[in-house]
PDB file of N, CA and C in Angstrom:
ATOM      1  N   MET A   1     -20.738   5.315   0.451  1.00  0.00           N
ATOM      2  CA  MET A   1     -20.116   6.527  -0.064  1.00  0.00           C
ATOM      3  C   MET A   1     -18.782   6.187  -0.772  1.00  0.00           C
ATOM      4  N   GLU A   2     -18.783   6.675  -1.987  1.00  0.00           N
ATOM      5  CA  GLU A   2     -17.443   6.586  -2.825  1.00  0.00           C
ATOM      6  C   GLU A   2     -16.275   7.371  -2.244  1.00  0.00           C
ATOM      7  N   PRO A   3     -14.994   6.882  -2.271  1.00  0.00           N
ATOM      8  CA  PRO A   3     -13.882   7.727  -1.823  1.00  0.00           C
ATOM      9  C   PRO A   3     -13.589   8.773  -2.861  1.00  0.00           C
ATOM     10  N   ASP A   4     -12.962   9.856  -2.212  1.00  0.00           N
ATOM     11  CA  ASP A   4     -12.523  10.872  -3.153  1.00  0.00           C
ATOM     12  C   ASP A   4     -11.265  10.433  -3.862  1.00  0.00           C
ATOM     13  N   PHE A   5     -11.174  10.753  -5.049  1.00  0.00           N
ATOM     14  CA  PHE A   5      -9.979  10.296  -5.871  1.00  0.00           C
ATOM     15  C   PHE A   5      -8.726  10.774  -5.277  1.00  0.00           C
ATOM     16  N   LYS A   6      -8.718  11.900  -4.694  1.00  0.00           N
ATOM     17  CA  LYS A   6      -7.379  12.335  -4.117  1.00  0.00           C
ATOM     18  C   LYS A   6      -6.953  11.530  -2.798  1.00  0.00           C
ATOM     19  N   ASP A   7      -7.864  10.697  -2.375  1.00  0.00           N
ATOM     20  CA  ASP A   7      -7.580   9.850  -1.158  1.00  0.00           C
ATOM     21  C   ASP A   7      -7.114   8.423  -1.635  1.00  0.00           C
ATOM     22  N   ILE A   8      -7.089   8.231  -2.953  1.00  0.00           N
ATOM     23  CA  ILE A   8      -6.609   6.932  -3.454  1.00  0.00           C
ATOM     24  C   ILE A   8      -5.092   6.932  -3.902  1.00  0.00           C
ATOM     25  N   LEU A   9      -4.280   6.157  -3.190  1.00  0.00           N
ATOM     26  CA  LEU A   9      -2.921   6.211  -3.543  1.00  0.00           C
ATOM     27  C   LEU A   9      -2.430   4.786  -4.123  1.00  0.00           C
ATOM     28  N   LEU A  10      -1.705   4.852  -5.258  1.00  0.00           N
ATOM     29  CA  LEU A  10      -1.309   3.592  -5.920  1.00  0.00           C
ATOM     30  C   LEU A  10       0.278   3.598  -5.950  1.00  0.00           C
ATOM     31  N   PHE A  11       0.725   2.414  -5.778  1.00  0.00           N
ATOM     32  CA  PHE A  11       2.202   2.139  -5.696  1.00  0.00           C
ATOM     33  C   PHE A  11       2.607   0.913  -6.263  1.00  0.00           C
ATOM     34  N   LYS A  12       3.742   0.976  -6.838  1.00  0.00           N
ATOM     35  CA  LYS A  12       4.440  -0.220  -7.463  1.00  0.00           C
ATOM     36  C   LYS A  12       5.308  -0.786  -6.317  1.00  0.00           C
ATOM     37  N   THR A  13       5.117  -2.193  -6.055  1.00  0.00           N
ATOM     38  CA  THR A  13       5.793  -2.741  -4.965  1.00  0.00           C
ATOM     39  C   THR A  13       6.506  -4.062  -5.500  1.00  0.00           C
ATOM     40  N   ASN A  14       7.154  -4.682  -4.393  1.00  0.00           N
ATOM     41  CA  ASN A  14       7.611  -6.160  -4.722  1.00  0.00           C
ATOM     42  C   ASN A  14       7.008  -7.003  -3.665  1.00  0.00           C
ATOM     43  N   ILE A  15       5.709  -6.783  -3.249  1.00  0.00           N
ATOM     44  CA  ILE A  15       4.967  -7.508  -2.248  1.00  0.00           C
ATOM     45  C   ILE A  15       4.360  -8.630  -3.013  1.00  0.00           C
ATOM     46  N   GLN A  16       4.990  -9.788  -2.981  1.00  0.00           N
ATOM     47  CA  GLN A  16       4.605 -10.859  -3.894  1.00  0.00           C
ATOM     48  C   GLN A  16       4.045 -12.050  -3.276  1.00  0.00           C
ATOM     49  N   THR A  17       4.365 -12.484  -2.100  1.00  0.00           N
ATOM     50  CA  THR A  17       3.946 -13.815  -1.486  1.00  0.00           C
ATOM     51  C   THR A  17       2.849 -13.504  -0.319  1.00  0.00           C
ATOM     52  N   ALA A  18       2.231 -14.569   0.042  1.00  0.00           N
ATOM     53  CA  ALA A  18       1.268 -14.542   1.062  1.00  0.00           C
ATOM     54  C   ALA A  18       1.948 -13.983   2.421  1.00  0.00           C
ATOM     55  N   GLU A  19       3.119 -14.321   2.662  1.00  0.00           N
ATOM     56  CA  GLU A  19       3.819 -13.970   3.838  1.00  0.00           C
ATOM     57  C   GLU A  19       4.179 -12.404   3.783  1.00  0.00           C
ATOM     58  N   ASP A  20       4.524 -11.976   2.526  1.00  0.00           N
ATOM     59  CA  ASP A  20       4.613 -10.525   2.382  1.00  0.00           C
ATOM     60  C   ASP A  20       3.441  -9.720   2.647  1.00  0.00           C
ATOM     61  N   LYS A  21       2.330 -10.250   2.073  1.00  0.00           N
ATOM     62  CA  LYS A  21       1.001  -9.569   2.329  1.00  0.00           C
ATOM     63  C   LYS A  21       0.574  -9.506   3.754  1.00  0.00           C
ATOM     64  N   SER A  22       0.858 -10.665   4.400  1.00  0.00           N
ATOM     65  CA  SER A  22       0.571 -10.759   5.877  1.00  0.00           C
ATOM     66  C   SER A  22       1.337  -9.737   6.653  1.00  0.00           C
ATOM     67  N   LEU A  23       2.598  -9.582   6.347  1.00  0.00           N
ATOM     68  CA  LEU A  23       3.431  -8.567   7.015  1.00  0.00           C
ATOM     69  C   LEU A  23       2.880  -7.168   6.850  1.00  0.00           C
ATOM     70  N   ILE A  24       2.554  -6.843   5.596  1.00  0.00           N
ATOM     71  CA  ILE A  24       2.103  -5.458   5.216  1.00  0.00           C
ATOM     72  C   ILE A  24       0.763  -5.283   5.811  1.00  0.00           C
ATOM     73  N   ALA A  25      -0.049  -6.296   6.069  1.00  0.00           N
ATOM     74  CA  ALA A  25      -1.457  -6.290   6.716  1.00  0.00           C
ATOM     75  C   ALA A  25      -1.196  -5.708   8.108  1.00  0.00           C
ATOM     76  N   LYS A  26      -0.235  -6.265   8.771  1.00  0.00           N
ATOM     77  CA  LYS A  26      -0.008  -5.941  10.170  1.00  0.00           C
ATOM     78  C   LYS A  26       0.449  -4.328  10.245  1.00  0.00           C
ATOM     79  N   VAL A  27       1.311  -3.976   9.220  1.00  0.00           N
ATOM     80  CA  VAL A  27       1.686  -2.562   9.165  1.00  0.00           C
ATOM     81  C   VAL A  27       0.421  -1.722   8.879  1.00  0.00           C
ATOM     82  N   MET A  28      -0.402  -1.958   7.905  1.00  0.00           N
ATOM     83  CA  MET A  28      -1.586  -1.213   7.654  1.00  0.00           C
ATOM     84  C   MET A  28      -2.483  -1.171   8.886  1.00  0.00           C
ATOM     85  N   GLU A  29      -2.590  -2.228   9.550  1.00  0.00           N
ATOM     86  CA  GLU A  29      -3.568  -2.280  10.796  1.00  0.00           C
ATOM     87  C   GLU A  29      -2.976  -1.317  11.843  1.00  0.00           C
ATOM     88  N   LYS A  30      -1.682  -1.437  12.081  1.00  0.00           N
ATOM     89  CA  LYS A  30      -1.018  -0.645  13.126  1.00  0.00           C
ATOM     90  C   LYS A  30      -1.228   0.862  12.773  1.00  0.00           C
ATOM     91  N   HIS A  31      -1.364   1.197  11.465  1.00  0.00           N
ATOM     92  CA  HIS A  31      -1.512   2.638  11.201  1.00  0.00           C
ATOM     93  C   HIS A  31      -2.919   3.009  10.747  1.00  0.00           C
ATOM     94  N   ASN A  32      -3.886   2.079  11.176  1.00  0.00           N
ATOM     95  CA  ASN A  32      -5.293   2.408  10.924  1.00  0.00           C
ATOM     96  C   ASN A  32      -5.738   2.597   9.440  1.00  0.00           C
ATOM     97  N   VAL A  33      -5.048   1.811   8.683  1.00  0.00           N
ATOM     98  CA  VAL A  33      -5.386   1.999   7.210  1.00  0.00           C
ATOM     99  C   VAL A  33      -6.394   0.853   7.013  1.00  0.00           C
ATOM    100  N   LYS A  34      -7.638   1.128   6.708  1.00  0.00           N
ATOM    101  CA  LYS A  34      -8.726   0.233   6.651  1.00  0.00           C
ATOM    102  C   LYS A  34      -8.998  -0.277   5.220  1.00  0.00           C
ATOM    103  N   GLN A  35      -8.847   0.485   4.256  1.00  0.00           N
ATOM    104  CA  GLN A  35      -9.051   0.149   2.838  1.00  0.00           C
ATOM    105  C   GLN A  35      -7.707   0.043   2.146  1.00  0.00           C
ATOM    106  N   TRP A  36      -7.276  -1.106   1.765  1.00  0.00           N
ATOM    107  CA  TRP A  36      -6.050  -1.317   1.056  1.00  0.00           C
ATOM    108  C   TRP A  36      -6.152  -2.729   0.305  1.00  0.00           C
ATOM    109  N   THR A  37      -5.483  -2.883  -0.828  1.00  0.00           N
ATOM    110  CA  THR A  37      -5.395  -4.116  -1.608  1.00  0.00           C
ATOM    111  C   THR A  37      -3.935  -4.219  -2.254  1.00  0.00           C
ATOM    112  N   ILE A  38      -3.556  -5.439  -2.440  1.00  0.00           N
ATOM    113  CA  ILE A  38      -2.264  -5.613  -3.268  1.00  0.00           C
ATOM    114  C   ILE A  38      -2.724  -6.699  -4.441  1.00  0.00           C
ATOM    115  N   ASP A  39      -2.444  -6.163  -5.578  1.00  0.00           N
ATOM    116  CA  ASP A  39      -2.832  -7.056  -6.731  1.00  0.00           C
ATOM    117  C   ASP A  39      -1.510  -7.850  -7.050  1.00  0.00           C
ATOM    118  N   GLN A  40      -1.296  -8.967  -6.511  1.00  0.00           N
ATOM    119  CA  GLN A  40      -0.194  -9.805  -6.616  1.00  0.00           C
ATOM    120  C   GLN A  40      -0.101 -10.453  -7.944  1.00  0.00           C
ATOM    121  N   GLN A  41      -1.199 -10.385  -8.772  1.00  0.00           N
ATOM    122  CA  GLN A  41      -1.092 -10.956 -10.085  1.00  0.00           C
ATOM    123  C   GLN A  41      -0.515  -9.924 -11.157  1.00  0.00           C
ATOM    124  N   ASP A  42      -0.522  -8.773 -10.889  1.00  0.00           N
ATOM    125  CA  ASP A  42      -0.025  -7.631 -11.542  1.00  0.00           C
ATOM    126  C   ASP A  42       1.453  -7.652 -11.566  1.00  0.00           C
ATOM    127  N   VAL A  43       2.178  -7.364 -12.691  1.00  0.00           N
ATOM    128  CA  VAL A  43       3.596  -7.373 -12.678  1.00  0.00           C
ATOM    129  C   VAL A  43       4.213  -6.370 -11.765  1.00  0.00           C
ATOM    130  N   ASP A  44       3.468  -5.304 -11.479  1.00  0.00           N
ATOM    131  CA  ASP A  44       3.846  -4.150 -10.598  1.00  0.00           C
ATOM    132  C   ASP A  44       3.463  -4.489  -9.036  1.00  0.00           C
ATOM    133  N   CYS A  45       2.798  -5.637  -8.812  1.00  0.00           N
ATOM    134  CA  CYS A  45       2.351  -5.841  -7.389  1.00  0.00           C
ATOM    135  C   CYS A  45       1.713  -4.570  -6.873  1.00  0.00           C
ATOM    136  N   VAL A  46       0.687  -4.092  -7.461  1.00  0.00           N
ATOM    137  CA  VAL A  46       0.178  -2.683  -7.181  1.00  0.00           C
ATOM    138  C   VAL A  46      -0.535  -2.785  -5.757  1.00  0.00           C
ATOM    139  N   LEU A  47      -0.104  -1.765  -4.977  1.00  0.00           N
ATOM    140  CA  LEU A  47      -0.637  -1.584  -3.631  1.00  0.00           C
ATOM    141  C   LEU A  47      -1.530  -0.380  -3.768  1.00  0.00           C
ATOM    142  N   ARG A  48      -2.818  -0.527  -3.386  1.00  0.00           N
ATOM    143  CA  ARG A  48      -3.721   0.510  -3.504  1.00  0.00           C
ATOM    144  C   ARG A  48      -4.248   0.838  -2.117  1.00  0.00           C
ATOM    145  N   ILE A  49      -4.153   2.124  -1.707  1.00  0.00           N
ATOM    146  CA  ILE A  49      -4.625   2.429  -0.446  1.00  0.00           C
ATOM    147  C   ILE A  49      -5.630   3.684  -0.492  1.00  0.00           C
ATOM    148  N   VAL A  50      -6.746   3.584   0.241  1.00  0.00           N
ATOM    149  CA  VAL A  50      -7.702   4.643   0.271  1.00  0.00           C
ATOM    150  C   VAL A  50      -7.605   5.243   1.699  1.00  0.00           C
ATOM    151  N   SER A  51      -7.118   6.386   1.733  1.00  0.00           N
ATOM    152  CA  SER A  51      -6.928   7.128   3.146  1.00  0.00           C
ATOM    153  C   SER A  51      -6.814   8.568   2.911  1.00  0.00           C
ATOM    154  N   PRO A  52      -7.718   9.304   3.625  1.00  0.00           N
ATOM    155  CA  PRO A  52      -7.699  10.791   3.536  1.00  0.00           C
ATOM    156  C   PRO A  52      -6.473  11.336   4.406  1.00  0.00           C
ATOM    157  N   ALA A  53      -5.959  10.387   5.388  1.00  0.00           N
ATOM    158  CA  ALA A  53      -4.938  10.861   6.304  1.00  0.00           C
ATOM    159  C   ALA A  53      -3.529  10.609   5.902  1.00  0.00           C
ATOM    160  N   LEU A  54      -3.228   9.561   5.252  1.00  0.00           N
ATOM    161  CA  LEU A  54      -1.778   9.215   4.777  1.00  0.00           C
ATOM    162  C   LEU A  54      -1.437   9.886   3.593  1.00  0.00           C
ATOM    163  N   LYS A  55      -0.223  10.216   3.472  1.00  0.00           N
ATOM    164  CA  LYS A  55       0.252  10.977   2.322  1.00  0.00           C
ATOM    165  C   LYS A  55       1.286  10.026   1.651  1.00  0.00           C
ATOM    166  N   LEU A  56       1.421  10.308   0.454  1.00  0.00           N
ATOM    167  CA  LEU A  56       2.334   9.373  -0.506  1.00  0.00           C
ATOM    168  C   LEU A  56       3.615   9.050   0.211  1.00  0.00           C
ATOM    169  N   GLU A  57       4.377  10.015   0.752  1.00  0.00           N
ATOM    170  CA  GLU A  57       5.638   9.879   1.223  1.00  0.00           C
ATOM    171  C   GLU A  57       5.625   8.881   2.528  1.00  0.00           C
ATOM    172  N   GLU A  58       4.492   9.104   3.239  1.00  0.00           N
ATOM    173  CA  GLU A  58       4.286   8.279   4.412  1.00  0.00           C
ATOM    174  C   GLU A  58       4.220   6.779   4.139  1.00  0.00           C
ATOM    175  N   VAL A  59       3.438   6.492   3.197  1.00  0.00           N
ATOM    176  CA  VAL A  59       3.175   4.994   2.757  1.00  0.00           C
ATOM    177  C   VAL A  59       4.521   4.528   2.195  1.00  0.00           C
ATOM    178  N   ILE A  60       5.222   5.332   1.456  1.00  0.00           N
ATOM    179  CA  ILE A  60       6.555   4.789   0.921  1.00  0.00           C
ATOM    180  C   ILE A  60       7.487   4.346   1.955  1.00  0.00           C
ATOM    181  N   HIS A  61       7.477   5.302   3.002  1.00  0.00           N
ATOM    182  CA  HIS A  61       8.417   5.153   4.168  1.00  0.00           C
ATOM    183  C   HIS A  61       7.947   3.878   4.969  1.00  0.00           C
ATOM    184  N   LEU A  62       6.620   3.743   5.301  1.00  0.00           N
ATOM    185  CA  LEU A  62       6.179   2.514   5.935  1.00  0.00           C
ATOM    186  C   LEU A  62       6.485   1.209   5.233  1.00  0.00           C
ATOM    187  N   VAL A  63       6.274   1.229   3.943  1.00  0.00           N
ATOM    188  CA  VAL A  63       6.463  -0.173   3.252  1.00  0.00           C
ATOM    189  C   VAL A  63       8.003  -0.310   3.208  1.00  0.00           C
ATOM    190  N   SER A  64       8.768   0.706   2.864  1.00  0.00           N
ATOM    191  CA  SER A  64      10.270   0.587   2.682  1.00  0.00           C
ATOM    192  C   SER A  64      10.915   0.149   3.919  1.00  0.00           C
ATOM    193  N   LYS A  65      10.523   0.729   5.032  1.00  0.00           N
ATOM    194  CA  LYS A  65      11.212   0.402   6.287  1.00  0.00           C
ATOM    195  C   LYS A  65      10.853  -1.081   6.670  1.00  0.00           C
ATOM    196  N   ASN A  66       9.945  -1.799   6.039  1.00  0.00           N
ATOM    197  CA  ASN A  66       9.689  -3.098   6.344  1.00  0.00           C
ATOM    198  C   ASN A  66      10.242  -4.015   5.355  1.00  0.00           C
ATOM    199  N   GLY A  67      11.226  -3.441   4.605  1.00  0.00           N
ATOM    200  CA  GLY A  67      12.055  -4.246   3.647  1.00  0.00           C
ATOM    201  C   GLY A  67      11.525  -4.475   2.223  1.00  0.00           C
ATOM    202  N   TYR A  68      10.536  -3.852   1.746  1.00  0.00           N
ATOM    203  CA  TYR A  68       9.970  -3.834   0.546  1.00  0.00           C
ATOM    204  C   TYR A  68      10.226  -2.589  -0.316  1.00  0.00           C
ATOM    205  N   GLN A  69      10.249  -2.835  -1.686  1.00  0.00           N
ATOM    206  CA  GLN A  69      10.334  -1.632  -2.544  1.00  0.00           C
ATOM    207  C   GLN A  69       8.947  -1.088  -2.738  1.00  0.00           C
ATOM    208  N   CYS A  70       8.857   0.259  -2.752  1.00  0.00           N
ATOM    209  CA  CYS A  70       7.574   0.929  -2.960  1.00  0.00           C
ATOM    210  C   CYS A  70       7.836   2.282  -3.565  1.00  0.00           C
ATOM    211  N   GLU A  71       7.079   2.537  -4.662  1.00  0.00           N
ATOM    212  CA  GLU A  71       7.192   3.810  -5.336  1.00  0.00           C
ATOM    213  C   GLU A  71       5.874   4.168  -5.947  1.00  0.00           C
ATOM    214  N   GLU A  72       5.658   5.409  -6.048  1.00  0.00           N
ATOM    215  CA  GLU A  72       4.423   5.890  -6.648  1.00  0.00           C
ATOM    216  C   GLU A  72       4.165   5.342  -8.055  1.00  0.00           C
ATOM    217  N   LEU A  73       3.089   4.820  -8.312  1.00  0.00           N
ATOM    218  CA  LEU A  73       2.684   4.273  -9.638  1.00  0.00           C
ATOM    219  C   LEU A  73       2.216   5.366 -10.560  1.00  0.00           C
ATOM    220  N   ILE A  74       2.836   5.668 -11.483  1.00  0.00           N
ATOM    221  CA  ILE A  74       2.502   6.811 -12.439  1.00  0.00           C
ATOM    222  C   ILE A  74       1.827   6.322 -13.727  1.00  0.00           C
TER     223      ILE A  74
END
């Protein structure tokens, strides 16, 4: 089943290294986010989350409180 487009959230981040990704993986796991990716090859280090439960502001807060930049990708 394909996700609903309204459940797909895209963010510009500074999550660049394997260590960064590992830390964010723990955050995502703790908050039951099952579908997420980080494109570390992209200049914007795009974080893509599929979640019907999380809201944009919640993701920004979660990532930011762990020391990373995170803003909505427009």
